[in-house]
Amino acid sequence: MPGFLGDMSWWMAAKQIAYYLLIILFIWGADIKFGKKEFNEDFASLDIMKSLRGFAAIGVILHHISQEQIFKDQKVLSPFVNAGAYFVAIFFFCSGYGLMKSLNTKENYLKGFVKNRIVKTIVVPFYVNVLIYGLVNLVSGVKMPTAQWICNFTGLTMMNAYAWFPIVLTVLYFAFFFSFRFIKNRPVCFAIILLVTIGLGLGFCYNGHFAWWSGKKNWWLDFMHPDTTWWKQQKILWFSGEWWVNSAIAFVTGLIFCNYEKYLVPWLKKMYALKFHILLILTMVAYKLSSYGQSKFGYWTEFNGKGAGVSEKIKTYFCQLPLFILLGVVVVVFLMKYHVNNPVTRFFGKYSLHTYLMNLMAITVLRFLQKNETSPFKAGKYNLLIYAVAVVVVTVILGVIEKYMCDGVTKVLFRKKKIKTEEAQS
């Protein structure tokens, strides 16, 4: 029988330490309001939202690590395996809330919106990331058909499988811009953005996880065959996974919550405990509905031998929508009584997009630590702890480097116009 320092006991202790550190992060810098009429008036401020994004960024990194097969086999970080969509929903909610807050508080906010909010903050990081991954693939000798290199570098297909988020966000930002730029009726604007969001969801439901429509029925059941055309494989085409669309509805929720915040917050403060618990119960019911949809119908219906299963995907998608509509609201209402703001969450909030985009590279280049025969460290399960810590550290380093690269590229791209503006002012 293994002693306390045996593999299993050692890993149990390590996991407890990891969860303990997460708890510490959750209470470090906490502001709690216990009084019945006491609330955090800054619950939706820029700093608090940045910290919230920081928590989501950390959660996404841990989710990606937990998805590694060896972590699944050893049941390490198992609470994070299926939690990715929840953390991404927070990103979408915060993005929608932030856009609407800026629209309400900044004069002529939509003037220059495409350049400042889409090109500079989303498109530039996306293509800088494509360039980084492309160069690393070239240096490491990754073999791709010429057409794939071209499509990847242009962004038509995925050089980085994790880079789907800025693509979806760009579509939603354009929907926001065109709706509020040309339509004065805000409910109509919300309806249009909602329809765009659901349209993206239905687009995935048809598109599936790969190009199922490019051959005879059920050809994909052996799609891992080495002769399969590159563009028919998983995570290559846009919207080829439910993670592209299932939590995007939180963007709309963020917009609407912010727009009606001056009415909602005073209403929520009255009998707060009761209303929060009702909201929590509704969210739990929505969670059960989401779980039911995934178990009853499912997204991965291509593998049941009955065709693409588009209708099953659609049913699953609509079963999940209520959960992601409510999730962001539950979180932000909770912040009215309890929120956390510390240097770690602020840091990850500042670099959230870049750590997100560089996480796959860290996970990939450090996989040798998972293998006993190539690891410079002790063999066995100890490697998993070293690997997880190394991935987080390298992700942060790469994310910071990418952030400064993006800042440099942005300055170069927009320098001439800035100089002309200064000359005109002088």
Protein backbone atom coordinates (compact mmCIF):
# COMPACT_ATOMS: atom_id res chain seq x y z
CA MET A 1 0.00 0.00 0.00
CA PRO A 2 1.61 3.32 -1.02
CA GLY A 3 2.55 5.75 1.70
CA PHE A 4 1.72 9.40 1.91
CA LEU A 5 4.47 10.22 -0.57
CA GLY A 6 3.22 7.63 -3.06
CA ASP A 7 1.98 8.82 -6.42
CA MET A 8 -1.73 8.85 -5.64
CA SER A 9 -1.42 10.47 -2.21
CA TRP A 10 1.13 12.95 -3.51
CA TRP A 11 -1.19 13.96 -6.34
CA MET A 12 -4.14 14.27 -3.99
CA ALA A 13 -2.10 16.69 -1.91
CA ALA A 14 -0.95 18.59 -5.01
CA LYS A 15 -4.51 18.97 -6.27
CA GLN A 16 -5.66 20.23 -2.88
CA ILE A 17 -2.86 22.80 -2.91
CA ALA A 18 -3.87 23.91 -6.40
CA TYR A 19 -7.50 24.37 -5.38
CA TYR A 20 -6.38 26.13 -2.21
CA LEU A 21 -4.42 28.65 -4.29
CA LEU A 22 -7.50 29.25 -6.45
CA ILE A 23 -9.53 29.92 -3.30
CA ILE A 24 -6.88 32.36 -2.10
CA LEU A 25 -7.09 34.13 -5.44
CA PHE A 26 -10.86 34.34 -5.03
CA ILE A 27 -10.65 36.04 -1.60
CA TRP A 28 -7.52 38.17 -2.08
CA GLY A 29 -8.65 41.76 -2.45
CA ALA A 30 -12.29 40.89 -1.80
CA ASP A 31 -14.84 43.58 -1.00
CA ILE A 32 -17.83 42.08 0.80
CA LYS A 33 -21.01 43.92 1.70
CA PHE A 34 -22.91 42.13 4.43
CA GLY A 35 -25.52 44.76 5.23
CA LYS A 36 -28.99 44.43 3.80
CA LYS A 37 -28.75 47.83 2.14
CA GLU A 38 -25.01 47.77 1.50
CA PHE A 39 -23.77 47.15 -2.05
CA ASN A 40 -20.61 47.53 -4.08
CA GLU A 41 -21.44 50.58 -6.16
CA ASP A 42 -18.37 49.91 -8.32
CA PHE A 43 -19.41 46.34 -9.12
CA ALA A 44 -19.40 47.05 -12.87
CA SER A 45 -16.48 49.48 -12.98
CA LEU A 46 -13.62 49.10 -15.44
CA ASP A 47 -11.26 47.71 -12.77
CA ILE A 48 -13.75 45.14 -11.50
CA MET A 49 -14.67 44.04 -15.01
CA LYS A 50 -10.97 43.73 -15.81
CA SER A 51 -10.49 41.52 -12.76
CA LEU A 52 -13.50 39.46 -13.78
CA ARG A 53 -11.94 38.95 -17.20
CA GLY A 54 -8.74 37.99 -15.39
CA PHE A 55 -10.56 35.21 -13.55
CA ALA A 56 -12.02 34.05 -16.86
CA ALA A 57 -8.59 34.10 -18.51
CA ILE A 58 -7.11 31.93 -15.75
CA GLY A 59 -10.09 29.58 -16.03
CA VAL A 60 -9.63 29.23 -19.80
CA ILE A 61 -5.94 28.40 -19.40
CA LEU A 62 -6.73 25.73 -16.81
CA HIS A 63 -9.53 24.43 -19.04
CA HIS A 64 -7.16 24.01 -21.97
CA ILE A 65 -4.61 22.21 -19.79
CA SER A 66 -7.29 19.91 -18.39
CA GLN A 67 -8.27 18.96 -21.96
CA GLU A 68 -4.93 17.24 -22.50
CA GLN A 69 -5.58 13.50 -22.66
CA ILE A 70 -3.10 12.60 -19.95
CA PHE A 71 -4.83 15.01 -17.56
CA LYS A 72 -8.19 13.45 -18.41
CA ASP A 73 -6.79 9.97 -17.80
CA GLN A 74 -5.38 10.94 -14.41
CA LYS A 75 -8.47 13.08 -13.58
CA VAL A 76 -6.29 16.09 -12.81
CA LEU A 77 -8.05 19.48 -13.01
CA SER A 78 -11.21 17.56 -13.88
CA PRO A 79 -13.56 20.39 -12.72
CA PHE A 80 -12.22 22.48 -15.60
CA VAL A 81 -12.65 19.91 -18.39
CA ASN A 82 -16.11 21.09 -19.45
CA ALA A 83 -15.96 24.60 -18.00
CA GLY A 84 -14.46 26.44 -20.95
CA ALA A 85 -17.76 27.77 -22.32
CA TYR A 86 -18.63 29.31 -18.94
CA PHE A 87 -15.40 31.31 -18.80
CA VAL A 88 -15.75 32.40 -22.42
CA ALA A 89 -19.33 33.50 -21.67
CA ILE A 90 -17.87 35.93 -19.14
CA PHE A 91 -15.62 37.36 -21.87
CA PHE A 92 -18.61 37.82 -24.17
CA PHE A 93 -20.75 39.39 -21.43
CA CYS A 94 -17.99 41.82 -20.42
CA SER A 95 -17.40 42.75 -24.07
CA GLY A 96 -21.08 43.51 -24.66
CA TYR A 97 -21.37 45.41 -21.39
CA GLY A 98 -18.24 47.44 -22.14
CA LEU A 99 -19.39 48.44 -25.62
CA MET A 100 -22.76 49.63 -24.38
CA LYS A 101 -21.21 51.49 -21.44
CA SER A 102 -18.86 53.32 -23.80
CA LEU A 103 -21.71 54.09 -26.20
CA ASN A 104 -23.70 55.60 -23.34
CA THR A 105 -20.87 57.63 -21.81
CA LYS A 106 -18.53 58.64 -24.66
CA GLU A 107 -19.48 61.28 -27.17
CA ASN A 108 -19.26 60.17 -30.81
CA TYR A 109 -18.13 56.74 -29.67
CA LEU A 110 -19.01 55.10 -32.99
CA LYS A 111 -16.80 57.54 -34.88
CA GLY A 112 -13.62 55.62 -35.58
CA PHE A 113 -15.11 52.51 -33.96
CA VAL A 114 -14.00 50.15 -36.73
CA LYS A 115 -10.41 51.35 -36.55
CA ASN A 116 -10.09 51.69 -32.79
CA ARG A 117 -12.24 48.85 -31.47
CA ILE A 118 -12.05 46.29 -34.27
CA VAL A 119 -8.86 46.77 -36.26
CA LYS A 120 -6.52 47.83 -33.45
CA THR A 121 -7.81 45.63 -30.64
CA ILE A 122 -8.95 42.50 -32.50
CA VAL A 123 -7.75 42.27 -36.12
CA VAL A 124 -4.15 43.30 -35.44
CA PRO A 125 -3.70 40.81 -32.53
CA PHE A 126 -5.31 38.09 -34.66
CA TYR A 127 -2.90 38.50 -37.57
CA VAL A 128 0.13 39.03 -35.35
CA ASN A 129 -0.83 35.73 -33.73
CA VAL A 130 -1.18 34.09 -37.15
CA LEU A 131 2.29 35.31 -38.06
CA ILE A 132 3.82 34.02 -34.81
CA TYR A 133 2.25 30.58 -35.15
CA GLY A 134 3.15 30.44 -38.84
CA LEU A 135 6.81 31.26 -38.19
CA VAL A 136 7.00 28.72 -35.36
CA ASN A 137 5.45 26.07 -37.62
CA LEU A 138 7.96 26.88 -40.37
CA VAL A 139 10.93 26.74 -38.02
CA SER A 140 9.75 23.50 -36.43
CA GLY A 141 9.30 21.87 -39.83
CA VAL A 142 5.52 21.46 -39.85
CA LYS A 143 4.44 20.21 -43.27
CA MET A 144 1.33 21.73 -44.88
CA PRO A 145 0.05 21.94 -48.46
CA THR A 146 0.71 25.31 -50.09
CA ALA A 147 -3.02 26.05 -50.17
CA GLN A 148 -3.24 25.52 -46.41
CA TRP A 149 -0.34 27.87 -45.74
CA ILE A 150 -2.03 30.54 -47.86
CA CYS A 151 -5.45 30.07 -46.26
CA ASN A 152 -3.97 30.02 -42.77
CA PHE A 153 -1.92 33.17 -43.28
CA THR A 154 -4.91 35.02 -44.73
CA GLY A 155 -7.07 33.87 -41.81
CA LEU A 156 -9.53 32.01 -44.00
CA THR A 157 -8.66 28.83 -42.11
CA MET A 158 -7.24 28.34 -38.63
CA MET A 159 -3.50 28.60 -38.07
CA ASN A 160 -4.24 28.64 -34.33
CA ALA A 161 -7.28 26.57 -33.34
CA TYR A 162 -7.78 28.78 -30.25
CA ALA A 163 -8.01 31.95 -32.36
CA TRP A 164 -11.73 31.48 -33.06
CA PHE A 165 -12.75 33.90 -30.30
CA PRO A 166 -11.51 37.12 -32.01
CA ILE A 167 -13.26 36.03 -35.22
CA VAL A 168 -16.62 35.68 -33.49
CA LEU A 169 -16.02 38.87 -31.53
CA THR A 170 -15.28 40.75 -34.75
CA VAL A 171 -18.58 39.61 -36.27
CA LEU A 172 -20.47 40.71 -33.14
CA TYR A 173 -18.64 44.05 -33.03
CA PHE A 174 -19.58 44.74 -36.65
CA ALA A 175 -23.20 43.83 -35.87
CA PHE A 176 -23.08 46.26 -32.93
CA PHE A 177 -21.54 49.03 -35.04
CA PHE A 178 -23.91 48.82 -38.00
CA SER A 179 -26.98 48.42 -35.79
CA PHE A 180 -26.34 51.41 -33.55
CA ARG A 181 -24.79 53.51 -36.32
CA PHE A 182 -27.85 53.46 -38.56
CA ILE A 183 -30.77 52.58 -36.26
CA LYS A 184 -31.97 54.78 -33.40
CA ASN A 185 -34.39 52.29 -31.88
CA ARG A 186 -32.33 50.33 -29.38
CA PRO A 187 -34.67 47.35 -28.95
CA VAL A 188 -34.48 46.89 -32.72
CA CYS A 189 -30.69 47.01 -32.50
CA PHE A 190 -30.69 44.37 -29.79
CA ALA A 191 -33.02 42.21 -31.88
CA ILE A 192 -30.72 42.46 -34.91
CA ILE A 193 -27.62 41.54 -32.89
CA LEU A 194 -29.57 38.68 -31.29
CA LEU A 195 -30.55 37.37 -34.73
CA VAL A 196 -26.93 37.62 -35.91
CA THR A 197 -25.78 35.68 -32.83
CA ILE A 198 -28.38 32.95 -33.32
CA GLY A 199 -27.54 32.90 -37.02
CA LEU A 200 -23.94 32.10 -36.12
CA GLY A 201 -25.19 29.30 -33.90
CA LEU A 202 -27.35 27.82 -36.63
CA GLY A 203 -24.42 28.21 -39.02
CA PHE A 204 -22.32 25.92 -36.86
CA CYS A 205 -25.19 23.46 -36.51
CA TYR A 206 -25.16 23.06 -40.27
CA ASN A 207 -21.39 23.31 -40.71
CA GLY A 208 -20.61 20.72 -38.04
CA HIS A 209 -17.13 19.87 -36.79
CA PHE A 210 -15.65 19.35 -40.26
CA ALA A 211 -16.68 19.42 -43.92
CA TRP A 212 -19.21 16.58 -43.66
CA TRP A 213 -20.99 17.84 -46.77
CA SER A 214 -17.96 17.31 -49.06
CA GLY A 215 -18.41 13.58 -49.66
CA LYS A 216 -20.80 10.68 -49.45
CA LYS A 217 -22.84 10.10 -46.30
CA ASN A 218 -20.83 9.03 -43.24
CA TRP A 219 -17.46 9.26 -45.03
CA TRP A 220 -16.14 11.09 -41.98
CA LEU A 221 -16.42 8.04 -39.73
CA ASP A 222 -12.86 7.29 -40.85
CA PHE A 223 -11.92 10.92 -41.51
CA MET A 224 -8.68 10.51 -39.54
CA HIS A 225 -7.32 8.56 -42.49
CA PRO A 226 -4.01 10.16 -43.55
CA ASP A 227 -5.29 10.73 -47.08
CA THR A 228 -8.11 12.99 -45.89
CA THR A 229 -7.85 16.45 -47.47
CA TRP A 230 -6.51 19.01 -44.99
CA TRP A 231 -9.52 21.32 -45.14
CA LYS A 232 -11.91 18.47 -44.27
CA GLN A 233 -10.36 17.90 -40.85
CA GLN A 234 -11.39 19.23 -37.45
CA LYS A 235 -10.67 22.79 -36.25
CA ILE A 236 -9.68 23.97 -39.72
CA LEU A 237 -12.75 25.77 -41.08
CA TRP A 238 -14.52 28.66 -39.37
CA PHE A 239 -17.41 27.73 -37.05
CA SER A 240 -16.41 24.08 -36.93
CA GLY A 241 -17.13 23.57 -33.25
CA GLU A 242 -19.90 24.36 -30.77
CA TRP A 243 -17.42 26.41 -28.71
CA TRP A 244 -17.59 29.04 -31.48
CA VAL A 245 -21.24 29.79 -30.79
CA ASN A 246 -22.78 28.32 -27.63
CA SER A 247 -21.73 31.09 -25.22
CA ALA A 248 -21.80 34.04 -27.67
CA ILE A 249 -25.36 34.90 -26.62
CA ALA A 250 -23.85 36.35 -23.42
CA PHE A 251 -22.64 39.27 -25.58
CA VAL A 252 -26.26 40.28 -26.17
CA THR A 253 -27.06 39.86 -22.48
CA GLY A 254 -24.18 42.20 -21.62
CA LEU A 255 -25.50 44.84 -24.02
CA ILE A 256 -29.04 44.68 -22.67
CA PHE A 257 -28.04 44.58 -18.99
CA CYS A 258 -25.88 47.68 -19.40
CA ASN A 259 -28.54 49.55 -21.37
CA TYR A 260 -31.18 49.04 -18.68
CA GLU A 261 -28.76 49.07 -15.75
CA LYS A 262 -30.15 52.25 -14.21
CA TYR A 263 -33.51 50.51 -13.88
CA LEU A 264 -32.29 47.01 -13.08
CA VAL A 265 -29.84 47.83 -10.29
CA PRO A 266 -32.31 49.76 -8.06
CA TRP A 267 -34.87 47.01 -8.65
CA LEU A 268 -32.37 44.30 -7.74
CA LYS A 269 -31.36 46.10 -4.54
CA LYS A 270 -34.90 45.76 -3.21
CA MET A 271 -35.21 42.27 -1.74
CA TYR A 272 -31.80 41.47 -3.20
CA ALA A 273 -31.38 38.10 -1.47
CA LEU A 274 -34.71 36.78 -2.74
CA LYS A 275 -34.18 37.98 -6.30
CA PHE A 276 -30.60 36.70 -6.42
CA HIS A 277 -31.68 33.25 -5.23
CA ILE A 278 -34.52 33.16 -7.76
CA LEU A 279 -32.01 34.09 -10.47
CA LEU A 280 -29.67 31.41 -9.17
CA ILE A 281 -32.41 28.78 -9.22
CA LEU A 282 -33.37 29.75 -12.79
CA THR A 283 -29.73 29.40 -13.78
CA MET A 284 -29.56 25.94 -12.22
CA VAL A 285 -32.70 24.93 -14.11
CA ALA A 286 -31.09 26.26 -17.29
CA TYR A 287 -27.97 24.23 -16.47
CA LYS A 288 -30.09 21.09 -16.17
CA LEU A 289 -31.71 21.90 -19.52
CA SER A 290 -28.29 22.35 -21.08
CA SER A 291 -27.11 19.01 -19.68
CA TYR A 292 -30.29 17.34 -20.90
CA GLY A 293 -29.82 18.71 -24.41
CA GLN A 294 -26.23 17.53 -24.60
CA SER A 295 -27.04 14.04 -23.33
CA LYS A 296 -30.31 13.61 -25.25
CA PHE A 297 -29.29 15.13 -28.59
CA GLY A 298 -25.65 16.22 -28.55
CA TYR A 299 -23.31 18.26 -30.72
CA TRP A 300 -21.07 15.40 -31.90
CA THR A 301 -23.81 13.63 -33.81
CA GLU A 302 -21.61 13.04 -36.86
CA PHE A 303 -20.37 9.89 -35.18
CA ASN A 304 -23.70 8.13 -34.63
CA GLY A 305 -23.73 6.76 -38.16
CA LYS A 306 -26.93 8.59 -39.09
CA GLY A 307 -25.48 11.48 -41.04
CA ALA A 308 -24.50 14.96 -39.92
CA GLY A 309 -27.28 15.24 -37.32
CA VAL A 310 -27.97 18.92 -37.98
CA SER A 311 -31.37 18.87 -36.24
CA GLU A 312 -29.86 17.30 -33.10
CA LYS A 313 -27.24 20.03 -32.98
CA ILE A 314 -29.92 22.69 -33.30
CA LYS A 315 -31.91 21.18 -30.42
CA THR A 316 -28.79 21.04 -28.26
CA TYR A 317 -27.91 24.64 -29.13
CA PHE A 318 -31.31 25.98 -28.09
CA CYS A 319 -31.20 23.89 -24.90
CA GLN A 320 -27.95 25.67 -24.01
CA LEU A 321 -29.02 29.23 -24.82
CA PRO A 322 -30.96 29.92 -21.57
CA LEU A 323 -27.91 29.01 -19.47
CA PHE A 324 -25.59 31.42 -21.25
CA ILE A 325 -28.24 34.13 -21.31
CA LEU A 326 -28.44 33.96 -17.50
CA LEU A 327 -24.84 33.18 -16.56
CA GLY A 328 -23.38 36.65 -17.04
CA VAL A 329 -26.29 38.24 -15.21
CA VAL A 330 -25.84 35.92 -12.22
CA VAL A 331 -22.15 36.77 -12.04
CA VAL A 332 -22.59 40.53 -12.26
CA VAL A 333 -25.45 40.55 -9.74
CA PHE A 334 -23.23 38.54 -7.39
CA LEU A 335 -20.56 41.25 -7.80
CA MET A 336 -23.00 43.73 -6.26
CA LYS A 337 -22.30 42.06 -2.91
CA TYR A 338 -18.93 40.41 -3.44
CA HIS A 339 -16.13 41.20 -5.82
CA VAL A 340 -12.39 40.67 -5.97
CA ASN A 341 -9.71 42.96 -7.32
CA ASN A 342 -6.05 42.03 -6.91
CA PRO A 343 -2.81 42.35 -8.95
CA VAL A 344 -3.08 38.81 -10.36
CA THR A 345 -6.62 39.18 -11.70
CA ARG A 346 -5.87 42.67 -13.02
CA PHE A 347 -2.78 41.38 -14.81
CA PHE A 348 -4.62 38.53 -16.49
CA GLY A 349 -7.47 40.90 -17.29
CA LYS A 350 -5.07 43.24 -19.08
CA TYR A 351 -3.46 40.47 -21.12
CA SER A 352 -6.50 38.19 -21.38
CA LEU A 353 -6.78 38.12 -25.19
CA HIS A 354 -3.06 37.58 -25.68
CA THR A 355 -2.67 34.83 -23.09
CA TYR A 356 -5.74 33.22 -24.65
CA LEU A 357 -4.18 33.29 -28.12
CA MET A 358 -0.73 32.10 -27.02
CA ASN A 359 -1.96 29.32 -24.72
CA LEU A 360 -2.00 26.66 -27.46
CA MET A 361 1.64 27.31 -28.29
CA ALA A 362 2.68 26.87 -24.67
CA ILE A 363 0.61 23.69 -24.40
CA THR A 364 2.14 22.31 -27.61
CA VAL A 365 5.83 23.12 -27.15
CA LEU A 366 5.84 21.82 -23.56
CA ARG A 367 4.17 18.47 -24.26
CA PHE A 368 7.54 16.73 -23.98
CA LEU A 369 7.15 17.16 -20.21
CA GLN A 370 4.24 14.72 -20.30
CA LYS A 371 6.40 11.92 -21.70
CA ASN A 372 8.62 9.95 -19.38
CA GLU A 373 11.23 9.11 -22.02
CA THR A 374 11.93 12.72 -23.01
CA SER A 375 11.29 14.62 -19.80
CA PRO A 376 14.37 16.01 -18.03
CA PHE A 377 12.45 15.71 -14.77
CA LYS A 378 11.36 12.69 -12.73
CA ALA A 379 9.15 10.26 -14.58
CA GLY A 380 5.56 9.55 -13.68
CA LYS A 381 2.71 11.77 -12.58
CA TYR A 382 5.06 14.38 -11.16
CA ASN A 383 5.49 15.57 -14.74
CA LEU A 384 1.88 16.71 -14.90
CA LEU A 385 2.35 19.26 -12.14
CA ILE A 386 5.54 20.53 -13.74
CA TYR A 387 3.80 20.66 -17.10
CA ALA A 388 0.77 22.59 -15.81
CA VAL A 389 2.90 25.19 -13.99
CA ALA A 390 5.21 25.52 -17.00
CA VAL A 391 2.26 26.04 -19.36
CA VAL A 392 0.86 28.85 -17.21
CA VAL A 393 4.26 30.57 -16.94
CA VAL A 394 5.10 30.25 -20.63
CA THR A 395 1.58 31.33 -21.62
CA VAL A 396 2.00 34.51 -19.59
CA ILE A 397 5.44 35.23 -21.04
CA LEU A 398 4.28 34.64 -24.62
CA GLY A 399 1.11 36.65 -24.02
CA VAL A 400 3.07 39.66 -22.79
CA ILE A 401 5.48 39.41 -25.73
CA GLU A 402 2.58 39.24 -28.19
CA LYS A 403 0.90 42.23 -26.53
CA TYR A 404 4.02 44.38 -27.05
CA MET A 405 4.37 43.12 -30.61
CA CYS A 406 0.77 44.13 -31.30
CA ASP A 407 1.36 47.57 -29.77
CA GLY A 408 4.40 48.00 -32.01
CA VAL A 409 2.55 46.92 -35.15
CA THR A 410 -0.35 49.24 -34.31
CA LYS A 411 2.00 52.22 -33.89
CA VAL A 412 3.63 51.50 -37.23
CA LEU A 413 0.34 51.03 -39.08
CA PHE A 414 -1.27 54.20 -37.74
CA ARG A 415 1.78 56.42 -37.32
CA LYS A 416 1.48 58.39 -40.57
CA LYS A 417 -2.10 59.40 -39.90
CA LYS A 418 -1.16 60.52 -36.40
CA ILE A 419 1.68 62.67 -37.74
CA LYS A 420 -0.63 64.30 -40.28
CA THR A 421 -3.15 65.03 -37.55
CA GLU A 422 -0.48 66.67 -35.38
CA GLU A 423 0.72 68.76 -38.32
CA ALA A 424 -2.83 69.89 -39.03
CA GLN A 425 -3.33 70.90 -35.40
CA SER A 426 -0.09 72.91 -35.38
